[in-house]
Amino acid sequence: PPTETPEESGGNDGGGGSQARTPPPAETNVGVLNGTTFPGLAGQLADQVAAEAFERGITETNIRDQTIQESIVYYADGFRNSARAVGRLFSIDQFEPLDSETASLAPGAEVVVLAGADQTP
């Protein structure tokens, strides 16, 4: 019978490099940025992240661009699979490597959720 392979063995999805292991949620700092005008969205999403045992990182209530429509999850090197796990929590399917501008808004975060209008209640 065929054997299942770990998620990290999946194909080429834009980088992040290969990983020896996926860090456990408790070792993954997740920041949440609110790209909408909906008050408290970042805090609500961060609460959900913490409920799944991820380390709750910074929450920024409103970033400069408050017109983000579709949410995206950014990840630092070695945290692509962690980003996918966080993305599944919110049904987000857009992932990108963490850039310096986003990293500066969520210092210390290995995974950053930029919440768009698709996450508002």
PDB file of N, CA and C in Angstrom:
ATOM      1  N   PRO A   1       0.826  -1.200   0.000  1.00  0.00           N
ATOM      2  CA  PRO A   1       0.000   0.000   0.000  1.00  0.00           C
ATOM      3  C   PRO A   1       0.865   1.256   0.000  1.00  0.00           C
ATOM      4  N   PRO A   2       0.391   2.329  -0.634  1.00  0.00           N
ATOM      5  CA  PRO A   2       1.183   3.559  -0.649  1.00  0.00           C
ATOM      6  C   PRO A   2       1.286   4.158   0.750  1.00  0.00           C
ATOM      7  N   THR A   3       2.398   4.798   1.002  1.00  0.00           N
ATOM      8  CA  THR A   3       2.575   5.454   2.295  1.00  0.00           C
ATOM      9  C   THR A   3       2.384   6.939   2.119  1.00  0.00           C
ATOM     10  N   GLU A   4       1.868   7.564   3.153  1.00  0.00           N
ATOM     11  CA  GLU A   4       1.683   9.010   3.099  1.00  0.00           C
ATOM     12  C   GLU A   4       3.002   9.676   3.406  1.00  0.00           C
ATOM     13  N   THR A   5       3.219  10.814   2.743  1.00  0.00           N
ATOM     14  CA  THR A   5       4.439  11.566   2.983  1.00  0.00           C
ATOM     15  C   THR A   5       4.101  12.820   3.762  1.00  0.00           C
ATOM     16  N   PRO A   6       5.057  13.338   4.506  1.00  0.00           N
ATOM     17  CA  PRO A   6       4.785  14.562   5.260  1.00  0.00           C
ATOM     18  C   PRO A   6       4.467  15.711   4.309  1.00  0.00           C
ATOM     19  N   GLU A   7       3.695  16.643   4.815  1.00  0.00           N
ATOM     20  CA  GLU A   7       3.286  17.793   4.025  1.00  0.00           C
ATOM     21  C   GLU A   7       4.484  18.549   3.466  1.00  0.00           C
ATOM     22  N   GLU A   8       5.581  18.594   4.241  1.00  0.00           N
ATOM     23  CA  GLU A   8       6.723  19.373   3.809  1.00  0.00           C
ATOM     24  C   GLU A   8       7.410  18.800   2.564  1.00  0.00           C
ATOM     25  N   SER A   9       7.096  17.570   2.183  1.00  0.00           N
ATOM     26  CA  SER A   9       7.717  17.007   0.994  1.00  0.00           C
ATOM     27  C   SER A   9       7.011  17.445  -0.270  1.00  0.00           C
ATOM     28  N   GLY A  10       5.942  18.240  -0.121  1.00  0.00           N
ATOM     29  CA  GLY A  10       5.182  18.730  -1.270  1.00  0.00           C
ATOM     30  C   GLY A  10       6.042  19.529  -2.213  1.00  0.00           C
ATOM     31  N   GLY A  11       5.538  19.800  -3.385  1.00  0.00           N
ATOM     32  CA  GLY A  11       6.290  20.432  -4.463  1.00  0.00           C
ATOM     33  C   GLY A  11       6.765  21.828  -4.191  1.00  0.00           C
ATOM     34  N   ASN A  12       7.079  22.511  -5.248  1.00  0.00           N
ATOM     35  CA  ASN A  12       7.632  23.844  -5.188  1.00  0.00           C
ATOM     36  C   ASN A  12       6.500  24.852  -5.079  1.00  0.00           C
ATOM     37  N   ASP A  13       6.431  25.574  -3.962  1.00  0.00           N
ATOM     38  CA  ASP A  13       5.356  26.541  -3.787  1.00  0.00           C
ATOM     39  C   ASP A  13       5.869  27.939  -3.480  1.00  0.00           C
ATOM     40  N   GLY A  14       7.010  28.271  -4.003  1.00  0.00           N
ATOM     41  CA  GLY A  14       7.477  29.631  -3.825  1.00  0.00           C
ATOM     42  C   GLY A  14       8.559  29.790  -2.786  1.00  0.00           C
ATOM     43  N   GLY A  15       9.247  28.744  -2.424  1.00  0.00           N
ATOM     44  CA  GLY A  15      10.396  28.914  -1.564  1.00  0.00           C
ATOM     45  C   GLY A  15      10.157  28.493  -0.143  1.00  0.00           C
ATOM     46  N   GLY A  16      11.074  28.904   0.709  1.00  0.00           N
ATOM     47  CA  GLY A  16      11.006  28.537   2.101  1.00  0.00           C
ATOM     48  C   GLY A  16      12.006  27.448   2.425  1.00  0.00           C
ATOM     49  N   GLY A  17      12.567  26.819   1.398  1.00  0.00           N
ATOM     50  CA  GLY A  17      13.577  25.801   1.611  1.00  0.00           C
ATOM     51  C   GLY A  17      13.019  24.539   2.218  1.00  0.00           C
ATOM     52  N   SER A  18      13.838  23.508   2.228  1.00  0.00           N
ATOM     53  CA  SER A  18      13.401  22.268   2.847  1.00  0.00           C
ATOM     54  C   SER A  18      13.591  22.381   4.348  1.00  0.00           C
ATOM     55  N   GLN A  19      12.820  21.637   5.071  1.00  0.00           N
ATOM     56  CA  GLN A  19      12.865  21.702   6.515  1.00  0.00           C
ATOM     57  C   GLN A  19      13.150  20.318   7.066  1.00  0.00           C
ATOM     58  N   ALA A  20      14.004  20.253   8.076  1.00  0.00           N
ATOM     59  CA  ALA A  20      14.252  18.989   8.732  1.00  0.00           C
ATOM     60  C   ALA A  20      13.043  18.607   9.575  1.00  0.00           C
ATOM     61  N   ARG A  21      12.369  19.606  10.148  1.00  0.00           N
ATOM     62  CA  ARG A  21      11.177  19.363  10.946  1.00  0.00           C
ATOM     63  C   ARG A  21      10.346  20.634  10.971  1.00  0.00           C
ATOM     64  N   THR A  22       9.081  20.463  11.265  1.00  0.00           N
ATOM     65  CA  THR A  22       8.210  21.607  11.439  1.00  0.00           C
ATOM     66  C   THR A  22       8.229  21.975  12.916  1.00  0.00           C
ATOM     67  N   PRO A  23       8.578  23.217  13.245  1.00  0.00           N
ATOM     68  CA  PRO A  23       8.579  23.590  14.657  1.00  0.00           C
ATOM     69  C   PRO A  23       7.181  23.417  15.259  1.00  0.00           C
ATOM     70  N   PRO A  24       7.103  22.966  16.499  1.00  0.00           N
ATOM     71  CA  PRO A  24       5.786  22.811  17.121  1.00  0.00           C
ATOM     72  C   PRO A  24       5.133  24.183  17.325  1.00  0.00           C
ATOM     73  N   PRO A  25       3.808  24.212  17.416  1.00  0.00           N
ATOM     74  CA  PRO A  25       3.113  25.484  17.594  1.00  0.00           C
ATOM     75  C   PRO A  25       3.666  26.324  18.749  1.00  0.00           C
ATOM     76  N   ALA A  26       3.989  25.698  19.863  1.00  0.00           N
ATOM     77  CA  ALA A  26       4.473  26.447  21.024  1.00  0.00           C
ATOM     78  C   ALA A  26       5.798  27.150  20.747  1.00  0.00           C
ATOM     79  N   GLU A  27       6.510  26.737  19.692  1.00  0.00           N
ATOM     80  CA  GLU A  27       7.783  27.367  19.317  1.00  0.00           C
ATOM     81  C   GLU A  27       7.631  28.236  18.083  1.00  0.00           C
ATOM     82  N   THR A  28       6.404  28.564  17.723  1.00  0.00           N
ATOM     83  CA  THR A  28       6.145  29.385  16.547  1.00  0.00           C
ATOM     84  C   THR A  28       5.414  30.647  16.972  1.00  0.00           C
ATOM     85  N   ASN A  29       6.109  31.779  16.853  1.00  0.00           N
ATOM     86  CA  ASN A  29       5.539  33.067  17.205  1.00  0.00           C
ATOM     87  C   ASN A  29       4.735  33.579  16.019  1.00  0.00           C
ATOM     88  N   VAL A  30       3.426  33.794  16.225  1.00  0.00           N
ATOM     89  CA  VAL A  30       2.528  34.215  15.151  1.00  0.00           C
ATOM     90  C   VAL A  30       2.044  35.631  15.427  1.00  0.00           C
ATOM     91  N   GLY A  31       2.367  36.549  14.524  1.00  0.00           N
ATOM     92  CA  GLY A  31       1.862  37.911  14.606  1.00  0.00           C
ATOM     93  C   GLY A  31       0.648  38.057  13.703  1.00  0.00           C
ATOM     94  N   VAL A  32      -0.257  38.943  14.081  1.00  0.00           N
ATOM     95  CA  VAL A  32      -1.461  39.181  13.282  1.00  0.00           C
ATOM     96  C   VAL A  32      -1.587  40.676  13.028  1.00  0.00           C
ATOM     97  N   LEU A  33      -1.742  41.033  11.767  1.00  0.00           N
ATOM     98  CA  LEU A  33      -1.910  42.421  11.366  1.00  0.00           C
ATOM     99  C   LEU A  33      -3.302  42.607  10.783  1.00  0.00           C
ATOM    100  N   ASN A  34      -3.950  43.699  11.136  1.00  0.00           N
ATOM    101  CA  ASN A  34      -5.293  43.992  10.644  1.00  0.00           C
ATOM    102  C   ASN A  34      -5.187  44.915   9.439  1.00  0.00           C
ATOM    103  N   GLY A  35      -5.523  44.404   8.272  1.00  0.00           N
ATOM    104  CA  GLY A  35      -5.503  45.195   7.047  1.00  0.00           C
ATOM    105  C   GLY A  35      -6.880  45.709   6.675  1.00  0.00           C
ATOM    106  N   THR A  36      -7.754  45.856   7.679  1.00  0.00           N
ATOM    107  CA  THR A  36      -9.121  46.322   7.444  1.00  0.00           C
ATOM    108  C   THR A  36      -9.451  47.438   8.435  1.00  0.00           C
ATOM    109  N   THR A  37     -10.624  48.010   8.300  1.00  0.00           N
ATOM    110  CA  THR A  37     -11.095  49.011   9.262  1.00  0.00           C
ATOM    111  C   THR A  37     -11.949  48.377  10.356  1.00  0.00           C
ATOM    112  N   PHE A  38     -12.098  47.047  10.334  1.00  0.00           N
ATOM    113  CA  PHE A  38     -12.888  46.348  11.348  1.00  0.00           C
ATOM    114  C   PHE A  38     -12.129  46.349  12.666  1.00  0.00           C
ATOM    115  N   PRO A  39     -12.668  47.000  13.710  1.00  0.00           N
ATOM    116  CA  PRO A  39     -11.930  47.095  14.978  1.00  0.00           C
ATOM    117  C   PRO A  39     -11.810  45.744  15.686  1.00  0.00           C
ATOM    118  N   GLY A  40     -10.619  45.486  16.204  1.00  0.00           N
ATOM    119  CA  GLY A  40     -10.390  44.285  17.000  1.00  0.00           C
ATOM    120  C   GLY A  40     -10.150  43.006  16.229  1.00  0.00           C
ATOM    121  N   LEU A  41     -10.094  43.085  14.897  1.00  0.00           N
ATOM    122  CA  LEU A  41      -9.930  41.874  14.101  1.00  0.00           C
ATOM    123  C   LEU A  41      -8.623  41.150  14.420  1.00  0.00           C
ATOM    124  N   ALA A  42      -7.524  41.879  14.514  1.00  0.00           N
ATOM    125  CA  ALA A  42      -6.230  41.244  14.797  1.00  0.00           C
ATOM    126  C   ALA A  42      -6.253  40.523  16.135  1.00  0.00           C
ATOM    127  N   GLY A  43      -6.836  41.133  17.141  1.00  0.00           N
ATOM    128  CA  GLY A  43      -6.918  40.503  18.453  1.00  0.00           C
ATOM    129  C   GLY A  43      -7.765  39.245  18.440  1.00  0.00           C
ATOM    130  N   GLN A  44      -8.881  39.277  17.709  1.00  0.00           N
ATOM    131  CA  GLN A  44      -9.745  38.099  17.619  1.00  0.00           C
ATOM    132  C   GLN A  44      -9.012  36.930  16.960  1.00  0.00           C
ATOM    133  N   LEU A  45      -8.307  37.226  15.866  1.00  0.00           N
ATOM    134  CA  LEU A  45      -7.576  36.161  15.175  1.00  0.00           C
ATOM    135  C   LEU A  45      -6.421  35.654  16.032  1.00  0.00           C
ATOM    136  N   ALA A  46      -5.746  36.563  16.731  1.00  0.00           N
ATOM    137  CA  ALA A  46      -4.636  36.157  17.600  1.00  0.00           C
ATOM    138  C   ALA A  46      -5.131  35.255  18.727  1.00  0.00           C
ATOM    139  N   ASP A  47      -6.335  35.528  19.231  1.00  0.00           N
ATOM    140  CA  ASP A  47      -6.909  34.656  20.259  1.00  0.00           C
ATOM    141  C   ASP A  47      -7.107  33.241  19.716  1.00  0.00           C
ATOM    142  N   GLN A  48      -7.551  33.136  18.472  1.00  0.00           N
ATOM    143  CA  GLN A  48      -7.754  31.818  17.850  1.00  0.00           C
ATOM    144  C   GLN A  48      -6.418  31.106  17.658  1.00  0.00           C
ATOM    145  N   VAL A  49      -5.405  31.855  17.271  1.00  0.00           N
ATOM    146  CA  VAL A  49      -4.061  31.292  17.096  1.00  0.00           C
ATOM    147  C   VAL A  49      -3.565  30.739  18.433  1.00  0.00           C
ATOM    148  N   ALA A  50      -3.727  31.519  19.487  1.00  0.00           N
ATOM    149  CA  ALA A  50      -3.273  31.095  20.818  1.00  0.00           C
ATOM    150  C   ALA A  50      -4.053  29.866  21.290  1.00  0.00           C
ATOM    151  N   ALA A  51      -5.327  29.786  20.940  1.00  0.00           N
ATOM    152  CA  ALA A  51      -6.146  28.641  21.334  1.00  0.00           C
ATOM    153  C   ALA A  51      -5.650  27.349  20.682  1.00  0.00           C
ATOM    154  N   GLU A  52      -4.928  27.474  19.577  1.00  0.00           N
ATOM    155  CA  GLU A  52      -4.366  26.304  18.897  1.00  0.00           C
ATOM    156  C   GLU A  52      -2.932  26.024  19.357  1.00  0.00           C
ATOM    157  N   ALA A  53      -2.519  26.658  20.448  1.00  0.00           N
ATOM    158  CA  ALA A  53      -1.231  26.439  21.108  1.00  0.00           C
ATOM    159  C   ALA A  53      -0.060  27.132  20.434  1.00  0.00           C
ATOM    160  N   PHE A  54      -0.310  27.993  19.436  1.00  0.00           N
ATOM    161  CA  PHE A  54       0.784  28.778  18.876  1.00  0.00           C
ATOM    162  C   PHE A  54       1.115  29.898  19.848  1.00  0.00           C
ATOM    163  N   GLU A  55       2.365  30.360  19.797  1.00  0.00           N
ATOM    164  CA  GLU A  55       2.761  31.485  20.624  1.00  0.00           C
ATOM    165  C   GLU A  55       2.155  32.748  20.034  1.00  0.00           C
ATOM    166  N   ARG A  56       1.396  33.449  20.830  1.00  0.00           N
ATOM    167  CA  ARG A  56       0.754  34.671  20.352  1.00  0.00           C
ATOM    168  C   ARG A  56       1.792  35.781  20.291  1.00  0.00           C
ATOM    169  N   GLY A  57       1.977  36.315  19.105  1.00  0.00           N
ATOM    170  CA  GLY A  57       2.917  37.407  18.913  1.00  0.00           C
ATOM    171  C   GLY A  57       2.198  38.737  18.931  1.00  0.00           C
ATOM    172  N   ILE A  58       2.818  39.714  18.345  1.00  0.00           N
ATOM    173  CA  ILE A  58       2.271  41.058  18.294  1.00  0.00           C
ATOM    174  C   ILE A  58       0.972  41.088  17.495  1.00  0.00           C
ATOM    175  N   THR A  59       0.062  41.926  17.933  1.00  0.00           N
ATOM    176  CA  THR A  59      -1.131  42.193  17.131  1.00  0.00           C
ATOM    177  C   THR A  59      -1.138  43.687  16.852  1.00  0.00           C
ATOM    178  N   GLU A  60      -1.270  44.013  15.620  1.00  0.00           N
ATOM    179  CA  GLU A  60      -1.309  45.411  15.198  1.00  0.00           C
ATOM    180  C   GLU A  60      -2.734  45.685  14.757  1.00  0.00           C
ATOM    181  N   THR A  61      -3.378  46.625  15.427  1.00  0.00           N
ATOM    182  CA  THR A  61      -4.795  46.828  15.167  1.00  0.00           C
ATOM    183  C   THR A  61      -5.080  47.273  13.743  1.00  0.00           C
ATOM    184  N   ASN A  62      -4.359  48.212  13.256  1.00  0.00           N
ATOM    185  CA  ASN A  62      -4.590  48.664  11.879  1.00  0.00           C
ATOM    186  C   ASN A  62      -3.266  49.073  11.259  1.00  0.00           C
ATOM    187  N   ILE A  63      -2.930  48.438  10.156  1.00  0.00           N
ATOM    188  CA  ILE A  63      -1.738  48.838   9.429  1.00  0.00           C
ATOM    189  C   ILE A  63      -2.120  49.982   8.501  1.00  0.00           C
ATOM    190  N   ARG A  64      -1.156  50.563   7.837  1.00  0.00           N
ATOM    191  CA  ARG A  64      -1.435  51.715   6.968  1.00  0.00           C
ATOM    192  C   ARG A  64      -2.481  51.418   5.903  1.00  0.00           C
ATOM    193  N   ASP A  65      -2.337  50.294   5.225  1.00  0.00           N
ATOM    194  CA  ASP A  65      -3.279  49.943   4.172  1.00  0.00           C
ATOM    195  C   ASP A  65      -4.427  49.156   4.800  1.00  0.00           C
ATOM    196  N   GLN A  66      -5.579  49.787   4.928  1.00  0.00           N
ATOM    197  CA  GLN A  66      -6.734  49.149   5.540  1.00  0.00           C
ATOM    198  C   GLN A  66      -7.750  48.703   4.489  1.00  0.00           C
ATOM    199  N   THR A  67      -7.258  48.450   3.278  1.00  0.00           N
ATOM    200  CA  THR A  67      -8.157  48.043   2.194  1.00  0.00           C
ATOM    201  C   THR A  67      -7.820  46.651   1.674  1.00  0.00           C
ATOM    202  N   ILE A  68      -7.131  45.848   2.488  1.00  0.00           N
ATOM    203  CA  ILE A  68      -6.750  44.502   2.084  1.00  0.00           C
ATOM    204  C   ILE A  68      -8.027  43.661   1.955  1.00  0.00           C
ATOM    205  N   GLN A  69      -8.205  43.024   0.809  1.00  0.00           N
ATOM    206  CA  GLN A  69      -9.395  42.201   0.588  1.00  0.00           C
ATOM    207  C   GLN A  69      -9.154  40.738   0.958  1.00  0.00           C
ATOM    208  N   GLU A  70      -8.035  40.172   0.478  1.00  0.00           N
ATOM    209  CA  GLU A  70      -7.733  38.759   0.728  1.00  0.00           C
ATOM    210  C   GLU A  70      -6.555  38.627   1.684  1.00  0.00           C
ATOM    211  N   SER A  71      -6.750  37.816   2.695  1.00  0.00           N
ATOM    212  CA  SER A  71      -5.722  37.599   3.703  1.00  0.00           C
ATOM    213  C   SER A  71      -4.559  36.804   3.126  1.00  0.00           C
ATOM    214  N   ILE A  72      -3.403  36.965   3.751  1.00  0.00           N
ATOM    215  CA  ILE A  72      -2.202  36.245   3.336  1.00  0.00           C
ATOM    216  C   ILE A  72      -1.410  35.879   4.583  1.00  0.00           C
ATOM    217  N   VAL A  73      -0.701  34.768   4.515  1.00  0.00           N
ATOM    218  CA  VAL A  73       0.157  34.340   5.616  1.00  0.00           C
ATOM    219  C   VAL A  73       1.600  34.383   5.130  1.00  0.00           C
ATOM    220  N   TYR A  74       2.436  35.100   5.860  1.00  0.00           N
ATOM    221  CA  TYR A  74       3.864  35.196   5.561  1.00  0.00           C
ATOM    222  C   TYR A  74       4.617  34.271   6.502  1.00  0.00           C
ATOM    223  N   TYR A  75       5.743  33.748   6.039  1.00  0.00           N
ATOM    224  CA  TYR A  75       6.515  32.828   6.872  1.00  0.00           C
ATOM    225  C   TYR A  75       8.008  33.083   6.725  1.00  0.00           C
ATOM    226  N   ALA A  76       8.724  32.936   7.846  1.00  0.00           N
ATOM    227  CA  ALA A  76      10.174  33.024   7.859  1.00  0.00           C
ATOM    228  C   ALA A  76      10.751  31.693   7.384  1.00  0.00           C
ATOM    229  N   ASP A  77      12.023  31.693   7.019  1.00  0.00           N
ATOM    230  CA  ASP A  77      12.683  30.453   6.609  1.00  0.00           C
ATOM    231  C   ASP A  77      12.474  29.375   7.660  1.00  0.00           C
ATOM    232  N   GLY A  78      12.072  28.196   7.208  1.00  0.00           N
ATOM    233  CA  GLY A  78      11.871  27.066   8.094  1.00  0.00           C
ATOM    234  C   GLY A  78      10.484  26.984   8.709  1.00  0.00           C
ATOM    235  N   PHE A  79       9.606  27.931   8.383  1.00  0.00           N
ATOM    236  CA  PHE A  79       8.278  27.965   9.001  1.00  0.00           C
ATOM    237  C   PHE A  79       7.144  27.865   7.982  1.00  0.00           C
ATOM    238  N   ARG A  80       7.440  27.375   6.797  1.00  0.00           N
ATOM    239  CA  ARG A  80       6.403  27.252   5.764  1.00  0.00           C
ATOM    240  C   ARG A  80       5.262  26.338   6.221  1.00  0.00           C
ATOM    241  N   ASN A  81       5.577  25.192   6.789  1.00  0.00           N
ATOM    242  CA  ASN A  81       4.524  24.273   7.229  1.00  0.00           C
ATOM    243  C   ASN A  81       3.732  24.851   8.399  1.00  0.00           C
ATOM    244  N   SER A  82       4.393  25.601   9.263  1.00  0.00           N
ATOM    245  CA  SER A  82       3.682  26.274  10.348  1.00  0.00           C
ATOM    246  C   SER A  82       2.709  27.297   9.777  1.00  0.00           C
ATOM    247  N   ALA A  83       3.147  28.023   8.745  1.00  0.00           N
ATOM    248  CA  ALA A  83       2.272  29.006   8.098  1.00  0.00           C
ATOM    249  C   ALA A  83       1.053  28.315   7.494  1.00  0.00           C
ATOM    250  N   ARG A  84       1.260  27.159   6.901  1.00  0.00           N
ATOM    251  CA  ARG A  84       0.131  26.411   6.321  1.00  0.00           C
ATOM    252  C   ARG A  84      -0.857  25.991   7.412  1.00  0.00           C
ATOM    253  N   ALA A  85      -0.343  25.582   8.557  1.00  0.00           N
ATOM    254  CA  ALA A  85      -1.222  25.197   9.666  1.00  0.00           C
ATOM    255  C   ALA A  85      -2.037  26.397  10.148  1.00  0.00           C
ATOM    256  N   VAL A  86      -1.403  27.539  10.254  1.00  0.00           N
ATOM    257  CA  VAL A  86      -2.111  28.751  10.657  1.00  0.00           C
ATOM    258  C   VAL A  86      -3.123  29.139   9.573  1.00  0.00           C
ATOM    259  N   GLY A  87      -2.729  29.041   8.323  1.00  0.00           N
ATOM    260  CA  GLY A  87      -3.632  29.358   7.225  1.00  0.00           C
ATOM    261  C   GLY A  87      -4.886  28.499   7.244  1.00  0.00           C
ATOM    262  N   ARG A  88      -4.724  27.222   7.589  1.00  0.00           N
ATOM    263  CA  ARG A  88      -5.886  26.325   7.662  1.00  0.00           C
ATOM    264  C   ARG A  88      -6.885  26.777   8.719  1.00  0.00           C
ATOM    265  N   LEU A  89      -6.397  27.376   9.806  1.00  0.00           N
ATOM    266  CA  LEU A  89      -7.295  27.861  10.859  1.00  0.00           C
ATOM    267  C   LEU A  89      -8.295  28.879  10.313  1.00  0.00           C
ATOM    268  N   PHE A  90      -7.850  29.664   9.342  1.00  0.00           N
ATOM    269  CA  PHE A  90      -8.655  30.771   8.834  1.00  0.00           C
ATOM    270  C   PHE A  90      -9.057  30.599   7.367  1.00  0.00           C
ATOM    271  N   SER A  91      -8.827  29.420   6.824  1.00  0.00           N
ATOM    272  CA  SER A  91      -9.125  29.143   5.406  1.00  0.00           C
ATOM    273  C   SER A  91      -8.399  30.117   4.473  1.00  0.00           C
ATOM    274  N   ILE A  92      -7.159  30.394   4.809  1.00  0.00           N
ATOM    275  CA  ILE A  92      -6.313  31.255   3.967  1.00  0.00           C
ATOM    276  C   ILE A  92      -5.442  30.342   3.127  1.00  0.00           C
ATOM    277  N   ASP A  93      -5.390  30.599   1.819  1.00  0.00           N
ATOM    278  CA  ASP A  93      -4.566  29.757   0.957  1.00  0.00           C
ATOM    279  C   ASP A  93      -3.492  30.535   0.220  1.00  0.00           C
ATOM    280  N   GLN A  94      -3.222  31.754   0.657  1.00  0.00           N
ATOM    281  CA  GLN A  94      -2.142  32.533   0.065  1.00  0.00           C
ATOM    282  C   GLN A  94      -0.987  32.607   1.062  1.00  0.00           C
ATOM    283  N   PHE A  95       0.201  32.216   0.588  1.00  0.00           N
ATOM    284  CA  PHE A  95       1.391  32.175   1.435  1.00  0.00           C
ATOM    285  C   PHE A  95       2.551  32.821   0.698  1.00  0.00           C
ATOM    286  N   GLU A  96       3.369  33.575   1.429  1.00  0.00           N
ATOM    287  CA  GLU A  96       4.562  34.189   0.845  1.00  0.00           C
ATOM    288  C   GLU A  96       5.665  34.202   1.885  1.00  0.00           C
ATOM    289  N   PRO A  97       6.911  34.151   1.431  1.00  0.00           N
ATOM    290  CA  PRO A  97       8.019  34.312   2.370  1.00  0.00           C
ATOM    291  C   PRO A  97       7.935  35.683   3.041  1.00  0.00           C
ATOM    292  N   LEU A  98       8.331  35.742   4.285  1.00  0.00           N
ATOM    293  CA  LEU A  98       8.284  36.965   5.077  1.00  0.00           C
ATOM    294  C   LEU A  98       9.266  37.989   4.517  1.00  0.00           C
ATOM    295  N   ASP A  99       8.754  39.154   4.150  1.00  0.00           N
ATOM    296  CA  ASP A  99       9.605  40.228   3.640  1.00  0.00           C
ATOM    297  C   ASP A  99       9.961  41.179   4.784  1.00  0.00           C
ATOM    298  N   SER A 100      10.946  42.032   4.561  1.00  0.00           N
ATOM    299  CA  SER A 100      11.442  42.896   5.631  1.00  0.00           C
ATOM    300  C   SER A 100      10.397  43.911   6.095  1.00  0.00           C
ATOM    301  N   GLU A 101       9.568  44.410   5.197  1.00  0.00           N
ATOM    302  CA  GLU A 101       8.548  45.389   5.591  1.00  0.00           C
ATOM    303  C   GLU A 101       7.524  44.755   6.528  1.00  0.00           C
ATOM    304  N   THR A 102       7.048  43.570   6.176  1.00  0.00           N
ATOM    305  CA  THR A 102       6.077  42.876   7.023  1.00  0.00           C
ATOM    306  C   THR A 102       6.725  42.459   8.339  1.00  0.00           C
ATOM    307  N   ALA A 103       7.960  41.980   8.277  1.00  0.00           N
ATOM    308  CA  ALA A 103       8.669  41.572   9.489  1.00  0.00           C
ATOM    309  C   ALA A 103       8.828  42.753  10.454  1.00  0.00           C
ATOM    310  N   SER A 104       9.016  43.953   9.925  1.00  0.00           N
ATOM    311  CA  SER A 104       9.186  45.120  10.793  1.00  0.00           C
ATOM    312  C   SER A 104       7.888  45.479  11.523  1.00  0.00           C
ATOM    313  N   LEU A 105       6.733  45.081  10.970  1.00  0.00           N
ATOM    314  CA  LEU A 105       5.445  45.350  11.622  1.00  0.00           C
ATOM    315  C   LEU A 105       5.122  44.325  12.705  1.00  0.00           C
ATOM    316  N   ALA A 106       5.782  43.172  12.649  1.00  0.00           N
ATOM    317  CA  ALA A 106       5.553  42.099  13.622  1.00  0.00           C
ATOM    318  C   ALA A 106       6.894  41.545  14.083  1.00  0.00           C
ATOM    319  N   PRO A 107       7.657  42.345  14.832  1.00  0.00           N
ATOM    320  CA  PRO A 107       8.985  41.909  15.246  1.00  0.00           C
ATOM    321  C   PRO A 107       8.952  40.603  16.041  1.00  0.00           C
ATOM    322  N   GLY A 108       9.854  39.710  15.690  1.00  0.00           N
ATOM    323  CA  GLY A 108       9.975  38.438  16.397  1.00  0.00           C
ATOM    324  C   GLY A 108       9.058  37.343  15.885  1.00  0.00           C
ATOM    325  N   ALA A 109       8.145  37.674  14.986  1.00  0.00           N
ATOM    326  CA  ALA A 109       7.207  36.671  14.489  1.00  0.00           C
ATOM    327  C   ALA A 109       7.840  35.853  13.374  1.00  0.00           C
ATOM    328  N   GLU A 110       7.633  34.533  13.439  1.00  0.00           N
ATOM    329  CA  GLU A 110       8.080  33.646  12.366  1.00  0.00           C
ATOM    330  C   GLU A 110       6.976  33.447  11.330  1.00  0.00           C
ATOM    331  N   VAL A 111       5.731  33.643  11.759  1.00  0.00           N
ATOM    332  CA  VAL A 111       4.567  33.562  10.883  1.00  0.00           C
ATOM    333  C   VAL A 111       3.742  34.821  11.127  1.00  0.00           C
ATOM    334  N   VAL A 112       3.319  35.464  10.034  1.00  0.00           N
ATOM    335  CA  VAL A 112       2.522  36.694  10.162  1.00  0.00           C
ATOM    336  C   VAL A 112       1.266  36.545   9.312  1.00  0.00           C
ATOM    337  N   VAL A 113       0.124  36.776   9.948  1.00  0.00           N
ATOM    338  CA  VAL A 113      -1.157  36.775   9.231  1.00  0.00           C
ATOM    339  C   VAL A 113      -1.504  38.231   8.946  1.00  0.00           C
ATOM    340  N   LEU A 114      -1.668  38.547   7.670  1.00  0.00           N
ATOM    341  CA  LEU A 114      -2.173  39.869   7.285  1.00  0.00           C
ATOM    342  C   LEU A 114      -3.647  39.658   6.962  1.00  0.00           C
ATOM    343  N   ALA A 115      -4.507  40.066   7.893  1.00  0.00           N
ATOM    344  CA  ALA A 115      -5.933  39.813   7.773  1.00  0.00           C
ATOM    345  C   ALA A 115      -6.605  40.824   6.868  1.00  0.00           C
ATOM    346  N   GLY A 116      -7.341  40.309   5.913  1.00  0.00           N
ATOM    347  CA  GLY A 116      -8.095  41.140   4.987  1.00  0.00           C
ATOM    348  C   GLY A 116      -9.580  41.059   5.273  1.00  0.00           C
ATOM    349  N   ALA A 117     -10.347  41.701   4.394  1.00  0.00           N
ATOM    350  CA  ALA A 117     -11.799  41.748   4.550  1.00  0.00           C
ATOM    351  C   ALA A 117     -12.428  40.355   4.562  1.00  0.00           C
ATOM    352  N   ASP A 118     -11.755  39.372   3.977  1.00  0.00           N
ATOM    353  CA  ASP A 118     -12.302  38.016   3.976  1.00  0.00           C
ATOM    354  C   ASP A 118     -12.342  37.392   5.369  1.00  0.00           C
ATOM    355  N   GLN A 119     -11.720  38.034   6.364  1.00  0.00           N
ATOM    356  CA  GLN A 119     -11.727  37.516   7.723  1.00  0.00           C
ATOM    357  C   GLN A 119     -12.691  38.256   8.646  1.00  0.00           C
ATOM    358  N   THR A 120     -13.344  39.280   8.132  1.00  0.00           N
ATOM    359  CA  THR A 120     -14.272  40.028   8.984  1.00  0.00           C
ATOM    360  C   THR A 120     -15.578  39.253   9.155  1.00  0.00           C
ATOM    361  N   PRO A 121     -16.167  39.366  10.347  1.00  0.00           N
ATOM    362  CA  PRO A 121     -17.422  38.643  10.601  1.00  0.00           C
ATOM    363  C   PRO A 121     -18.584  39.179   9.764  1.00  0.00           C
TER     364      PRO A 121
END
